[in-house]
Amino acid sequence: MLQVNYIRENREKVLERLSVRNFKSLELVDQIISIDEERRQTQTSLDSLSAEANAAAKQIGELMRAGKKEEAEQIKTNTASHKENIKNLTEKLTALEQNQFNLLVQLPNLPYELVKPGTTPEENEVVLVHGTPASLPVDAKPHWELAAKYDIIDFELGVKITGAGFPVYKGKGARLQRALINFFLDEAIAAGYKEVQVPHLVNAASGFGTGQLPDKEGQMYHSTIDDLYLIPTAEVPVTNLYRDVILKEEDLPIKNTAYTPCFRREAGSYGSHVRGLNRLHQFDKVELVQVTHPDKSYETLEDMSEYVQSLLQKLGLHYRVLRLCGGDMGFGSAMTYDMETWSASQERWLEVSSVSNVETFQSNRSKIRFKGAAGKTQLVHTLNGSALALPRIVASLLENYQTKNGIRIPEVLVKYTGFDIID
């Protein structure tokens, strides 16, 4: 959530950066500024009237103790309306603050200065391409056909049990999943991340703190009886570990990693591009979350991007890195890198990771702060990234490592799988 003071003091910049996002409701900015002006005036009037009422009460007490009852009664008469006026001003202030809050939560984060305007994925900026496409057999198959051929993923069985988008992994398919999870966690720990295990359901306060609510409630599975939400990513519970906490500057950066299943309704997702593992309602992911000093967050973003790329390199996958344009970024992101692997079988790029700096957007909502050496309290910057989401990584491995004799396993995974080929 953006800070009101920043909006008021940087109106033109806010409008310009929101335009980079192709944000249509720019009038919200002036509405927020207008309400804030009225709110501050109301607060000033309330403070003044409260001070006057307190002074009058003190004076009445002194007069009564001095036996000057008549003078005390006169002051009581003169200030009789103060209580009602204070009540009215308090109610007005509460209404203004709620109205301002309702508008603030509709504003997305401001794109960083390197983010370019754009509205579609085709306008994203390719910043790096690594490797070359795999050389595949002439009869190369997409991963859903390979999954059926080797009986490692059963999509229809998942439909029977739950519905579309909930596959069942079997045999070597299940072991490959577990191998990838352990590989990603071990790599993260070696890179200095502390592993945490977190709940898979969160309350509304946690969803609000990281920006999933109220923006994405339609994409989250909601347990209405308990008012809990299944997590769309471990970013939500991990970031909320620090909600309402004042950290020490010397404790920054804080680096956490977590494996969780992720649940997304993906409402409105149809078509051949979501076939097989391309888009699921339940999937596994190892997530990275960093809480950093504001001065170092973009250096951290580059480090996280390079780290995720190192995983793709160790898996031997051909990939590219995109800097997302303003209109293709998530609601809370200030800048996002997407990593995509090439599927020669499907002849398309598959997104396998997003790494984002959300600056103070989450920390302002979640009240995650740090106290510097001078004693000043500031909001931290938070970052998150997939390292990695499994479905499209599995799809990429199945498709890019297929041979006439079976599907080879990347060397770095063999010690985790216990086998070097799926046949």
Protein backbone atom coordinates (compact mmCIF):
# COMPACT_ATOMS: atom_id res chain seq x y z
CA MET A 1 0.00 0.00 0.00
CA LEU A 2 1.34 3.43 -0.91
CA GLN A 3 1.98 5.97 1.83
CA VAL A 4 -0.35 8.98 1.89
CA ASN A 5 2.44 11.44 2.64
CA TYR A 6 4.36 10.25 -0.42
CA ILE A 7 1.31 10.59 -2.65
CA ARG A 8 0.59 14.10 -1.39
CA GLU A 9 4.20 15.29 -1.76
CA ASN A 10 4.88 13.57 -5.12
CA ARG A 11 1.55 13.81 -6.96
CA GLU A 12 3.00 14.22 -10.47
CA LYS A 13 5.46 11.38 -10.08
CA VAL A 14 2.75 9.09 -8.70
CA LEU A 15 0.50 9.85 -11.69
CA GLU A 16 3.37 9.32 -14.13
CA ARG A 17 4.40 5.95 -12.65
CA LEU A 18 0.82 4.72 -12.43
CA SER A 19 0.46 5.59 -16.12
CA VAL A 20 3.43 3.30 -16.82
CA ARG A 21 1.26 0.53 -15.36
CA ASN A 22 -1.58 1.56 -17.66
CA PHE A 23 -3.62 2.15 -14.49
CA LYS A 24 -6.96 3.61 -15.53
CA SER A 25 -8.34 5.08 -12.30
CA LEU A 26 -5.88 7.95 -11.92
CA GLU A 27 -8.61 10.09 -10.38
CA LEU A 28 -8.13 8.10 -7.19
CA VAL A 29 -4.90 10.00 -6.56
CA ASP A 30 -6.60 13.39 -6.32
CA GLN A 31 -9.47 11.91 -4.33
CA ILE A 32 -6.98 10.56 -1.79
CA ILE A 33 -5.17 13.91 -1.59
CA SER A 34 -8.47 15.77 -1.16
CA ILE A 35 -9.67 13.43 1.57
CA ASP A 36 -6.30 13.65 3.27
CA GLU A 37 -6.51 17.45 3.34
CA GLU A 38 -9.96 17.28 4.93
CA ARG A 39 -8.74 14.58 7.32
CA ARG A 40 -5.82 16.69 8.48
CA GLN A 41 -8.04 19.74 8.94
CA THR A 42 -10.50 17.65 10.93
CA GLN A 43 -7.68 16.22 13.03
CA THR A 44 -6.41 19.74 13.75
CA SER A 45 -9.89 20.89 14.77
CA LEU A 46 -10.35 17.84 16.96
CA ASP A 47 -6.97 18.29 18.65
CA SER A 48 -7.67 21.96 19.26
CA LEU A 49 -11.14 21.35 20.66
CA SER A 50 -9.91 18.45 22.82
CA ALA A 51 -7.13 20.65 24.21
CA GLU A 52 -9.66 23.40 24.94
CA ALA A 53 -12.00 20.94 26.65
CA ASN A 54 -9.16 19.53 28.76
CA ALA A 55 -8.05 23.01 29.77
CA ALA A 56 -11.62 23.95 30.69
CA ALA A 57 -12.03 20.79 32.77
CA LYS A 58 -8.81 21.56 34.62
CA GLN A 59 -9.92 25.15 35.22
CA ILE A 60 -13.34 24.03 36.47
CA GLY A 61 -11.66 21.67 38.93
CA GLU A 62 -9.41 24.42 40.24
CA LEU A 63 -12.34 26.85 40.64
CA MET A 64 -14.44 24.26 42.46
CA ARG A 65 -11.60 23.54 44.85
CA ALA A 66 -11.23 27.29 45.46
CA GLY A 67 -14.92 27.53 46.26
CA LYS A 68 -15.72 29.58 43.17
CA LYS A 69 -18.68 27.50 42.13
CA GLU A 70 -20.43 30.26 40.17
CA GLU A 71 -17.42 30.87 37.94
CA ALA A 72 -17.00 27.12 37.45
CA GLU A 73 -20.65 26.76 36.42
CA GLN A 74 -20.25 29.59 33.93
CA ILE A 75 -17.33 27.81 32.25
CA LYS A 76 -19.36 24.60 32.20
CA THR A 77 -22.13 26.46 30.39
CA ASN A 78 -19.73 28.02 27.90
CA THR A 79 -18.14 24.65 27.08
CA ALA A 80 -21.26 22.50 27.21
CA SER A 81 -21.17 21.85 23.47
CA HIS A 82 -17.56 20.61 23.49
CA LYS A 83 -18.41 16.98 24.27
CA GLU A 84 -20.94 16.72 21.44
CA ASN A 85 -18.63 18.54 18.99
CA ILE A 86 -15.73 16.25 19.90
CA LYS A 87 -17.96 13.23 19.31
CA ASN A 88 -19.04 14.56 15.91
CA LEU A 89 -15.47 15.38 14.86
CA THR A 90 -14.26 11.95 15.99
CA GLU A 91 -16.95 10.23 13.93
CA LYS A 92 -16.12 12.41 10.92
CA LEU A 93 -12.41 11.64 11.27
CA THR A 94 -13.09 7.90 11.48
CA ALA A 95 -15.24 8.06 8.34
CA LEU A 96 -12.60 10.04 6.45
CA GLU A 97 -9.85 7.61 7.45
CA GLN A 98 -11.93 4.64 6.33
CA ASN A 99 -12.78 6.32 3.04
CA GLN A 100 -9.13 7.15 2.45
CA PHE A 101 -8.11 3.57 3.28
CA ASN A 102 -10.71 2.16 0.86
CA LEU A 103 -9.20 4.26 -1.93
CA LEU A 104 -5.58 3.56 -1.01
CA VAL A 105 -5.97 -0.20 -1.27
CA GLN A 106 -7.14 0.23 -4.87
CA LEU A 107 -3.81 1.73 -5.93
CA PRO A 108 -1.14 -0.72 -7.17
CA ASN A 109 2.51 -0.23 -6.38
CA LEU A 110 4.50 2.31 -8.37
CA PRO A 111 6.80 0.80 -11.01
CA TYR A 112 10.53 1.32 -10.52
CA GLU A 113 12.28 3.73 -12.88
CA LEU A 114 13.67 0.89 -15.07
CA VAL A 115 10.20 -0.51 -15.75
CA LYS A 116 8.91 0.47 -19.17
CA PRO A 117 5.31 1.20 -20.18
CA GLY A 118 3.31 -1.61 -21.71
CA THR A 119 0.09 -3.55 -21.41
CA THR A 120 0.77 -7.07 -22.72
CA PRO A 121 3.38 -9.81 -22.20
CA GLU A 122 4.64 -9.15 -25.72
CA GLU A 123 5.91 -5.76 -24.50
CA ASN A 124 8.11 -7.26 -21.78
CA GLU A 125 11.81 -6.56 -22.16
CA VAL A 126 14.14 -9.51 -22.85
CA VAL A 127 17.27 -8.79 -20.82
CA LEU A 128 19.10 -12.11 -21.20
CA VAL A 129 18.96 -15.40 -23.12
CA HIS A 130 21.01 -18.34 -21.87
CA GLY A 131 21.92 -21.49 -23.77
CA THR A 132 20.38 -23.04 -26.85
CA PRO A 133 17.28 -25.17 -27.39
CA ALA A 134 17.67 -28.87 -26.70
CA SER A 135 18.14 -31.17 -29.67
CA LEU A 136 15.07 -33.41 -29.58
CA PRO A 137 13.99 -36.50 -31.50
CA VAL A 138 11.91 -35.83 -34.60
CA ASP A 139 8.90 -37.35 -32.89
CA ALA A 140 9.31 -35.32 -29.70
CA LYS A 141 6.20 -35.22 -27.56
CA PRO A 142 4.75 -32.63 -25.15
CA HIS A 143 4.99 -33.46 -21.48
CA TRP A 144 1.37 -34.58 -21.07
CA GLU A 145 1.93 -37.33 -23.65
CA LEU A 146 5.22 -38.30 -22.04
CA ALA A 147 3.52 -38.42 -18.64
CA ALA A 148 0.95 -40.86 -19.97
CA LYS A 149 3.50 -42.93 -21.87
CA TYR A 150 5.68 -43.51 -18.80
CA ASP A 151 2.77 -43.51 -16.31
CA ILE A 152 4.29 -40.83 -14.07
CA ILE A 153 1.53 -38.19 -13.95
CA ASP A 154 -2.19 -38.98 -14.14
CA PHE A 155 -4.34 -35.98 -15.01
CA GLU A 156 -7.60 -37.90 -15.32
CA LEU A 157 -7.20 -39.51 -11.92
CA GLY A 158 -6.83 -36.02 -10.46
CA VAL A 159 -10.06 -34.99 -12.16
CA LYS A 160 -11.79 -37.99 -10.61
CA ILE A 161 -10.57 -37.17 -7.11
CA THR A 162 -10.89 -33.38 -7.19
CA GLY A 163 -11.20 -31.76 -10.60
CA ALA A 164 -9.13 -30.36 -13.45
CA GLY A 165 -5.83 -28.85 -12.40
CA PHE A 166 -5.09 -31.34 -9.59
CA PRO A 167 -2.81 -34.01 -11.12
CA VAL A 168 -1.66 -37.19 -9.38
CA TYR A 169 2.10 -37.88 -9.53
CA LYS A 170 3.03 -41.56 -9.60
CA GLY A 171 6.19 -43.65 -9.24
CA LYS A 172 9.17 -41.88 -10.74
CA GLY A 173 7.04 -38.80 -11.33
CA ALA A 174 6.42 -38.46 -7.59
CA ARG A 175 10.08 -39.12 -6.84
CA LEU A 176 11.12 -36.46 -9.36
CA GLN A 177 8.88 -33.97 -7.58
CA ARG A 178 10.41 -34.81 -4.20
CA ALA A 179 13.91 -34.68 -5.67
CA LEU A 180 13.36 -31.19 -7.06
CA ILE A 181 11.96 -29.92 -3.76
CA ASN A 182 14.98 -31.24 -1.84
CA PHE A 183 17.42 -29.94 -4.46
CA PHE A 184 15.91 -26.46 -4.40
CA LEU A 185 15.84 -26.33 -0.59
CA ASP A 186 19.43 -27.55 -0.27
CA GLU A 187 20.60 -24.98 -2.81
CA ALA A 188 18.76 -22.17 -1.00
CA ILE A 189 20.22 -23.17 2.37
CA ALA A 190 23.71 -23.25 0.85
CA ALA A 191 23.05 -19.73 -0.47
CA GLY A 192 22.34 -18.44 3.03
CA TYR A 193 18.57 -18.79 3.26
CA LYS A 194 17.02 -20.09 6.47
CA GLU A 195 14.42 -22.80 5.89
CA VAL A 196 11.05 -22.36 7.59
CA GLN A 197 7.92 -24.49 7.59
CA VAL A 198 4.78 -22.37 7.61
CA PRO A 199 0.99 -22.88 7.68
CA HIS A 200 -0.75 -23.54 4.37
CA LEU A 201 -3.78 -21.50 5.40
CA VAL A 202 -3.68 -17.85 6.43
CA ASN A 203 -6.09 -15.37 7.93
CA ALA A 204 -7.38 -12.25 6.19
CA ALA A 205 -4.84 -10.02 7.96
CA SER A 206 -2.00 -12.04 6.42
CA GLY A 207 -3.63 -11.92 2.99
CA PHE A 208 -3.99 -8.17 3.28
CA GLY A 209 -0.44 -7.73 4.52
CA THR A 210 1.13 -9.12 1.35
CA GLY A 211 -1.43 -7.64 -1.05
CA GLN A 212 -3.48 -10.71 -1.95
CA LEU A 213 -6.49 -9.10 -0.28
CA PRO A 214 -8.54 -7.32 -1.32
CA ASP A 215 -7.04 -7.44 -4.83
CA LYS A 216 -6.94 -11.21 -5.45
CA GLU A 217 -9.61 -12.73 -3.23
CA GLY A 218 -11.33 -14.19 -6.31
CA GLN A 219 -8.19 -16.17 -7.11
CA MET A 220 -7.81 -17.66 -3.63
CA TYR A 221 -9.56 -20.69 -2.16
CA HIS A 222 -11.53 -19.52 0.86
CA SER A 223 -12.58 -21.66 3.81
CA THR A 224 -15.62 -19.58 4.65
CA ILE A 225 -16.56 -21.23 7.97
CA ASP A 226 -13.17 -20.40 9.52
CA ASP A 227 -12.49 -17.36 7.28
CA LEU A 228 -9.10 -18.76 6.27
CA TYR A 229 -7.46 -18.75 2.85
CA LEU A 230 -5.35 -21.47 1.21
CA ILE A 231 -2.03 -19.87 0.33
CA PRO A 232 -1.31 -19.03 -3.32
CA THR A 233 2.41 -18.95 -2.48
CA ALA A 234 4.65 -19.31 0.57
CA GLU A 235 5.44 -15.61 0.19
CA VAL A 236 2.25 -14.88 2.15
CA PRO A 237 2.93 -16.74 5.42
CA VAL A 238 6.71 -16.21 5.29
CA THR A 239 6.47 -12.42 4.89
CA ASN A 240 3.85 -12.29 7.61
CA LEU A 241 6.30 -13.83 10.07
CA TYR A 242 7.52 -10.25 10.48
CA ARG A 243 4.16 -8.45 10.52
CA ASP A 244 3.99 -5.81 13.28
CA VAL A 245 7.67 -6.35 14.12
CA ILE A 246 10.36 -3.70 14.54
CA LEU A 247 13.64 -5.25 13.44
CA LYS A 248 17.18 -4.16 14.17
CA GLU A 249 19.11 -2.70 11.25
CA GLU A 250 21.99 -5.08 11.92
CA ASP A 251 19.62 -8.05 11.44
CA LEU A 252 19.04 -7.10 7.79
CA PRO A 253 18.88 -8.75 5.35
CA ILE A 254 16.68 -11.57 6.54
CA LYS A 255 16.62 -14.48 4.08
CA ASN A 256 14.02 -17.24 4.31
CA THR A 257 13.11 -20.18 2.10
CA ALA A 258 10.08 -22.43 2.36
CA TYR A 259 8.55 -25.33 0.51
CA THR A 260 4.74 -25.40 0.37
CA PRO A 261 1.97 -26.54 -1.88
CA CYS A 262 0.28 -23.57 -3.53
CA PHE A 263 -3.41 -23.18 -4.34
CA ARG A 264 -4.81 -20.91 -7.04
CA ARG A 265 -8.28 -20.87 -8.51
CA GLU A 266 -6.96 -19.48 -11.84
CA ALA A 267 -10.49 -18.40 -12.73
CA GLY A 268 -10.96 -17.79 -16.43
CA SER A 269 -7.90 -19.79 -17.54
CA TYR A 270 -8.82 -21.88 -20.56
CA GLY A 271 -7.26 -23.02 -23.82
CA SER A 272 -4.41 -25.17 -25.07
CA HIS A 273 -1.80 -23.00 -23.31
CA VAL A 274 -2.98 -24.30 -19.93
CA ARG A 275 -2.89 -27.99 -20.89
CA GLY A 276 -1.07 -30.54 -18.73
CA LEU A 277 1.23 -28.93 -16.16
CA ASN A 278 1.17 -25.51 -17.77
CA ARG A 279 -1.36 -24.16 -15.27
CA LEU A 280 -2.65 -25.93 -12.18
CA HIS A 281 -4.88 -25.21 -9.21
CA GLN A 282 -2.50 -27.01 -6.82
CA PHE A 283 1.25 -27.19 -7.29
CA ASP A 284 4.48 -27.33 -5.29
CA LYS A 285 6.95 -24.50 -5.00
CA VAL A 286 10.08 -23.52 -3.12
CA GLU A 287 9.91 -19.80 -2.35
CA LEU A 288 12.53 -17.22 -1.44
CA VAL A 289 11.68 -14.18 0.70
CA GLN A 290 14.07 -11.41 1.71
CA VAL A 291 13.52 -8.52 4.11
CA THR A 292 16.13 -5.87 3.31
CA HIS A 293 17.33 -2.34 3.93
CA PRO A 294 15.69 0.06 1.43
CA ASP A 295 19.09 1.17 0.13
CA LYS A 296 20.03 -2.37 -0.88
CA SER A 297 16.82 -3.88 -2.27
CA TYR A 298 17.62 -3.52 -5.98
CA GLU A 299 21.05 -5.02 -5.47
CA THR A 300 19.23 -7.85 -3.70
CA LEU A 301 16.80 -8.21 -6.61
CA GLU A 302 19.70 -8.72 -9.02
CA ASP A 303 21.26 -11.26 -6.66
CA MET A 304 18.00 -13.20 -6.41
CA SER A 305 17.60 -13.19 -10.18
CA GLU A 306 21.12 -14.52 -10.64
CA TYR A 307 20.52 -17.18 -7.99
CA VAL A 308 17.37 -18.47 -9.73
CA GLN A 309 19.24 -18.48 -13.01
CA SER A 310 21.96 -20.61 -11.40
CA LEU A 311 19.34 -23.26 -10.64
CA LEU A 312 18.20 -23.31 -14.26
CA GLN A 313 21.82 -23.56 -15.38
CA LYS A 314 22.46 -26.51 -13.06
CA LEU A 315 19.39 -28.20 -14.50
CA GLY A 316 20.78 -27.60 -17.98
CA LEU A 317 17.76 -25.69 -19.28
CA HIS A 318 17.65 -23.10 -22.05
CA TYR A 319 16.05 -20.00 -20.57
CA ARG A 320 15.53 -16.28 -20.92
CA VAL A 321 15.02 -13.44 -18.44
CA LEU A 322 12.35 -10.78 -18.92
CA ARG A 323 11.88 -7.48 -17.17
CA LEU A 324 8.12 -7.10 -17.06
CA CYS A 325 6.51 -3.99 -18.48
CA GLY A 326 4.29 -1.90 -16.24
CA GLY A 327 1.00 -3.41 -17.35
CA ASP A 328 2.14 -7.03 -16.91
CA MET A 329 3.43 -6.77 -13.34
CA GLY A 330 1.66 -8.01 -10.25
CA PHE A 331 -0.38 -5.57 -8.17
CA GLY A 332 2.26 -5.13 -5.47
CA SER A 333 5.43 -5.29 -7.56
CA ALA A 334 7.75 -2.36 -8.20
CA MET A 335 9.90 -4.44 -10.57
CA THR A 336 9.74 -8.08 -11.63
CA TYR A 337 12.01 -10.43 -13.50
CA ASP A 338 10.40 -13.49 -15.08
CA MET A 339 12.47 -16.53 -16.00
CA GLU A 340 11.14 -18.66 -18.86
CA THR A 341 12.34 -21.98 -20.25
CA TRP A 342 11.90 -22.94 -23.88
CA SER A 343 9.63 -25.85 -24.70
CA ALA A 344 10.63 -27.16 -28.13
CA SER A 345 7.73 -29.64 -28.00
CA GLN A 346 5.13 -26.94 -27.42
CA GLU A 347 7.15 -24.29 -29.31
CA ARG A 348 6.63 -21.69 -26.60
CA TRP A 349 8.29 -20.18 -23.57
CA LEU A 350 7.13 -21.40 -20.15
CA GLU A 351 7.35 -19.10 -17.15
CA VAL A 352 9.08 -20.96 -14.32
CA SER A 353 9.90 -18.14 -11.90
CA SER A 354 9.08 -14.57 -10.98
CA VAL A 355 11.39 -12.54 -8.76
CA SER A 356 10.00 -9.24 -7.51
CA ASN A 357 10.93 -6.25 -5.39
CA VAL A 358 7.80 -4.83 -3.79
CA GLU A 359 9.72 -2.12 -1.91
CA THR A 360 7.54 -0.84 0.99
CA PHE A 361 4.21 -1.95 -0.51
CA GLN A 362 3.92 -4.97 1.81
CA SER A 363 5.84 -3.57 4.76
CA ASN A 364 3.51 -0.56 4.93
CA ARG A 365 0.49 -2.86 5.02
CA SER A 366 2.15 -5.29 7.43
CA LYS A 367 3.96 -2.71 9.56
CA ILE A 368 7.37 -4.36 9.11
CA ARG A 369 9.94 -1.82 10.23
CA PHE A 370 13.51 -1.50 11.38
CA LYS A 371 15.25 0.88 13.74
CA GLY A 372 18.48 2.38 12.49
CA ALA A 373 21.53 3.47 14.46
CA ALA A 374 20.09 6.97 14.90
CA GLY A 375 16.93 5.52 16.41
CA LYS A 376 14.75 6.40 13.44
CA THR A 377 12.14 3.78 12.51
CA GLN A 378 11.71 3.03 8.79
CA LEU A 379 9.82 0.60 6.62
CA VAL A 380 11.84 -2.29 5.21
CA HIS A 381 11.76 -3.46 1.60
CA THR A 382 10.52 -6.99 0.91
CA LEU A 383 11.34 -9.23 -2.04
CA ASN A 384 10.12 -12.63 -3.12
CA GLY A 385 10.85 -15.16 -5.82
CA SER A 386 10.08 -18.68 -7.00
CA ALA A 387 13.09 -20.96 -6.69
CA LEU A 388 11.42 -22.78 -8.24
CA ALA A 389 7.79 -23.57 -9.06
CA LEU A 390 7.69 -27.25 -9.95
CA PRO A 391 4.99 -27.82 -12.61
CA ARG A 392 6.65 -26.08 -15.54
CA ILE A 393 10.10 -27.15 -14.41
CA VAL A 394 8.90 -30.76 -14.52
CA ALA A 395 7.31 -30.08 -17.91
CA SER A 396 10.57 -28.56 -19.15
CA LEU A 397 12.67 -31.47 -17.88
CA LEU A 398 10.35 -34.09 -19.40
CA GLU A 399 10.26 -32.36 -22.76
CA ASN A 400 13.87 -31.22 -23.04
CA TYR A 401 15.47 -34.41 -21.73
CA GLN A 402 13.39 -36.87 -23.74
CA THR A 403 15.25 -39.41 -25.86
CA LYS A 404 14.25 -42.47 -27.87
CA ASN A 405 15.10 -44.61 -24.85
CA GLY A 406 13.39 -42.58 -22.15
CA ILE A 407 13.70 -39.32 -20.24
CA ARG A 408 17.14 -38.59 -18.85
CA ILE A 409 17.51 -37.04 -15.40
CA PRO A 410 19.86 -34.02 -15.02
CA GLU A 411 23.06 -35.03 -13.27
CA VAL A 412 22.47 -32.74 -10.27
CA LEU A 413 19.20 -34.54 -9.49
CA VAL A 414 20.38 -38.15 -9.69
CA LYS A 415 21.54 -38.27 -6.07
CA TYR A 416 18.04 -37.10 -5.09
CA THR A 417 16.00 -39.32 -7.43
CA GLY A 418 18.07 -42.49 -7.13
CA PHE A 419 17.69 -43.11 -10.88
CA ASP A 420 19.08 -41.46 -14.00
CA ILE A 421 16.33 -42.23 -16.51
CA ILE A 422 12.57 -42.56 -16.68
CA ASP A 423 11.75 -45.46 -19.00
